[in-house]
Protein backbone atom coordinates (compact mmCIF):
# COMPACT_ATOMS: atom_id res chain seq x y z
CA MET A 1 34.07 33.11 -78.23
CA ILE A 2 35.92 36.55 -79.36
CA ASP A 3 35.40 39.14 -76.80
CA SER A 4 35.19 42.85 -77.39
CA GLY A 5 38.88 43.89 -76.56
CA PRO A 6 40.93 44.47 -73.52
CA SER A 7 40.46 46.20 -70.56
CA ALA A 8 42.21 47.88 -68.09
CA GLU A 9 42.11 44.80 -65.80
CA SER A 10 42.60 41.92 -69.33
CA GLU A 11 46.38 44.28 -70.14
CA ASP A 12 47.47 43.41 -66.11
CA LYS A 13 46.46 39.75 -67.20
CA ARG A 14 48.46 39.00 -69.96
CA ARG A 15 50.98 36.27 -70.18
CA ALA A 16 53.66 38.32 -71.83
CA PRO A 17 54.54 42.18 -72.05
CA ARG A 18 53.93 43.75 -75.27
CA ALA A 19 56.07 46.15 -76.97
CA ARG A 20 54.55 48.85 -78.91
CA MET A 21 54.95 49.96 -82.57
CA LEU A 22 53.49 51.18 -85.49
CA VAL A 23 54.63 48.71 -88.12
CA PRO A 24 53.06 47.58 -91.75
CA ALA A 25 51.78 44.00 -91.30
CA LYS A 26 49.35 42.40 -93.95
CA ILE A 27 47.22 39.72 -92.84
CA VAL A 28 47.10 36.58 -95.54
CA LEU A 29 44.45 34.43 -95.87
CA GLY A 30 45.29 32.31 -98.95
CA GLU A 31 44.44 32.40 -102.97
CA GLY A 32 45.70 36.30 -102.86
CA LEU A 33 43.23 37.66 -100.26
CA ASP A 34 45.43 39.88 -98.25
CA PHE A 35 44.71 42.78 -96.08
CA ASN A 36 46.94 45.24 -94.68
CA CYS A 37 46.93 46.45 -91.35
CA THR A 38 49.32 48.12 -88.85
CA LEU A 39 50.97 46.36 -86.02
CA ARG A 40 50.24 47.88 -82.67
CA ASN A 41 52.23 45.97 -80.23
CA LEU A 42 53.69 43.22 -80.54
CA SER A 43 55.05 40.23 -77.61
CA ASP A 44 56.08 36.74 -77.53
CA SER A 45 52.20 35.25 -77.05
CA GLY A 46 50.79 38.03 -79.51
CA ALA A 47 49.70 41.27 -81.19
CA ARG A 48 47.59 44.06 -81.92
CA LEU A 49 46.57 45.01 -84.90
CA SER A 50 44.60 47.95 -86.76
CA LEU A 51 42.70 47.44 -90.22
CA ASP A 52 42.99 50.20 -92.48
CA THR A 53 38.95 49.39 -92.94
CA PRO A 54 36.31 46.54 -91.20
CA ALA A 55 37.24 43.18 -92.87
CA ALA A 56 35.30 40.51 -92.37
CA LEU A 57 37.90 37.77 -90.96
CA PRO A 58 38.04 34.04 -89.80
CA ALA A 59 38.93 32.84 -86.58
CA GLU A 60 43.04 31.89 -87.64
CA PHE A 61 45.09 32.99 -90.32
CA SER A 62 48.20 34.03 -91.81
CA LEU A 63 49.94 37.27 -89.91
CA GLN A 64 52.97 38.13 -91.80
CA ILE A 65 55.63 41.37 -90.41
CA PRO A 66 58.21 41.47 -93.08
CA SER A 67 60.28 44.00 -90.85
CA LYS A 68 60.44 41.96 -88.03
CA GLY A 69 60.88 38.68 -90.35
CA LEU A 70 58.10 37.32 -89.07
CA ASN A 71 55.16 34.87 -90.47
CA ARG A 72 52.87 33.41 -88.21
CA ARG A 73 49.38 31.49 -88.16
CA VAL A 74 47.17 33.54 -85.26
CA ARG A 75 44.00 33.70 -83.99
CA ILE A 76 41.88 36.66 -83.21
CA ALA A 77 41.27 36.53 -79.10
CA TRP A 78 39.43 39.93 -79.52
CA ARG A 79 38.07 42.70 -81.60
CA ARG A 80 36.81 45.88 -81.47
CA SER A 81 35.99 48.16 -84.47
CA GLN A 82 38.77 48.41 -86.75
CA ASP A 83 41.40 46.76 -83.95
CA ILE A 84 42.09 43.35 -83.55
CA GLY A 85 44.24 41.53 -80.97
CA VAL A 86 45.99 38.05 -81.69
CA GLN A 87 47.11 34.88 -80.28
CA PHE A 88 50.06 32.94 -81.52
CA LEU A 89 48.77 29.94 -82.70
CA SER A 90 51.96 27.12 -81.35
CA SER A 91 53.94 25.32 -83.82
CA ASP A 92 52.36 22.12 -82.28
CA GLU A 93 48.59 23.72 -83.21
CA ASP A 94 49.84 24.32 -86.49
CA ALA A 95 51.04 20.84 -86.67
CA GLU A 96 48.08 19.18 -85.78
CA ARG A 97 45.65 21.30 -87.72
CA ALA A 98 47.69 20.92 -90.95
CA ALA A 99 47.47 16.68 -89.84
CA ASP A 100 43.92 17.34 -89.64
CA LYS A 101 43.70 19.35 -93.08
CA ARG A 102 45.59 16.32 -94.55
CA ARG A 103 43.44 13.66 -93.18
CA ILE A 104 40.46 15.37 -94.37
CA ARG A 105 41.72 15.25 -97.84
CA GLU A 106 42.50 11.54 -98.37
CA LEU A 107 39.20 10.89 -96.49
CA GLU A 108 37.45 13.29 -99.43
CA ALA A 109 39.49 11.65 -101.49
CA GLU A 110 38.44 8.08 -100.67
CA VAL A 111 34.91 9.40 -100.28
CA ARG A 112 35.13 10.32 -104.51
CA ARG A 113 37.18 6.86 -105.22
CA LEU A 114 34.05 5.21 -103.55
CA LYS A 115 31.34 6.81 -105.50
CA SER A 116 33.37 6.40 -108.05
CA ARG A 117 32.94 2.21 -107.44
CA ILE A 118 29.33 2.78 -106.61
CA ALA A 119 28.33 3.91 -109.65
CA GLU A 120 30.49 1.11 -111.51
CA LEU A 121 28.80 -0.93 -110.00
CA SER A 122 25.03 -0.21 -110.48
CA GLY A 123 25.84 0.06 -114.04
CA GLU A 124 25.67 4.07 -114.11
């Protein structure tokens, strides 16, 4: 569940201290869909972003921060208007998701092969 944003209480519960900044960044959704944003703060575990305009975003996406040399997969932790908090996904989570996507592609290919074979056997 995505909550509505940080509160004074949640600010104290962060896993890692955050550094304030105003740095251009980019939300990359793939297939040429990118959104410019501003990195407002950054820590080892996540970041706060401000979008130029409100946008519907998936729960997970890639975040590029050219000035920091970062390109990370992130998950939305909270959202409030044009600001969003994101949590960096670990490389283990990235690897698991990549393996899941690979397995889905393999299974979809197998379904296509089976459908083709069924059509062949039924004389279609």
